[in-house]
Amino acid sequence: MITRFFSTSKPIHLVLVSFFVLALFLVVRSGYYSNGINAFQILKELLLYGVTLLSIFVLSFFVNKNNLTKQNSFKILFFSLFLACIPETIQHGNIIISNVFILFAIRRIISLRSNLYIKKKLFDAAFWITLASLFYFWSILFLILVFAALIFFSIGQVNNWIIPFTGIITVILMVISYYIVTENSFGDIYMYIDGVSFDFSNYNKLSLIISLTIILSLGLWALFFYIKKLQDKTRAYRPSFILILIALVIGIVIVVMSPNKNGSEFIFMFAPLAIIMTNYVESIKETWFAEVFTWLLVLTPIAQLVF
């Protein structure tokens, strides 16, 4: 049974997920090279595959370290299944890179709970998010999570509220320096700023509709229980779980605002949603229901092939 197998945290789970994502990459991205592939393109694909695996490893690391779930591998299973359900998320390299930077930032934000190295963590989080915005502009909205953490972790010193801006400015100065060296100019900031679109017609594909229906239905069901259980969390850990909820909301806002709605923008929802759904699966007492819940996600990519 799949839930029993992933109910522990073992290296074999990471290995299996790695092979699963590799197979997904071969199926989804091989179509780009129907006319042949050269060494540079192979290197590029290996790099993007490595970044995707890094996203999974970072997710597993900070979730386990901060006790956001029990010691199991459901979060990496769900994350990889989300990628398979919406394969558009791995068709755009800039989105993959932006997402891993966001995960680096979330890792630093959640670790503020320890009340150690606060200034360094705030700088790192803002730095990673601003860097992520260079690859996908609207990921800049995750800066909201930095300031939400200052509130929920009761970090009140004024200088700590200033630190995130130094991380933002550092990235800006790096970009300006790059343009001065390469183009003898300060660059054009407007080329990084994306517009907003509320045209959802691109989502009107049967395969995407099926996947979104399954993921959102299961996600909303799990979210209801996640919010209900927040009061049961200890006072020390409750802010971390609230921040994961805020991260999900930010991911949804990015999807709504995205100017080019090709499906890849859903990747920003995957990490918080995987954590929320893992918390739900852990709480299910009926083994058969947990199995059905998980198998629905497993079978969704297969259903896409049929339709």
Foldseek 3Di string as FASTA:
>chain_A
DVCVVQVAADVVLLVVLLVLLVVLLCVLVVVVAPVHDDPVVVVVSVVLSVLLSLLLVLLLVLCPVLVLDPRGNQLSVQLSLLCLLQVVQSVASLLSQLLSLQSQLLSLLLVCLVVPPLLVSLLSNLLSQLVSLQSPVLSVLCVVLSVLSCVLSVVDDPVSVCSSVVSNVVVLVVQQVVCCVPPVGSDDPVVSDDFFDQDPVLCPDPSSVLSCVLLVVLLVVLVVVLVVCLVVDDSSSSSSSVSLVVQLVSLVVCCRGPPDNNRSSNSSNSSSSSSSSSRSLVPDPDPVVSVVSSVSSVCSSVVSVVD
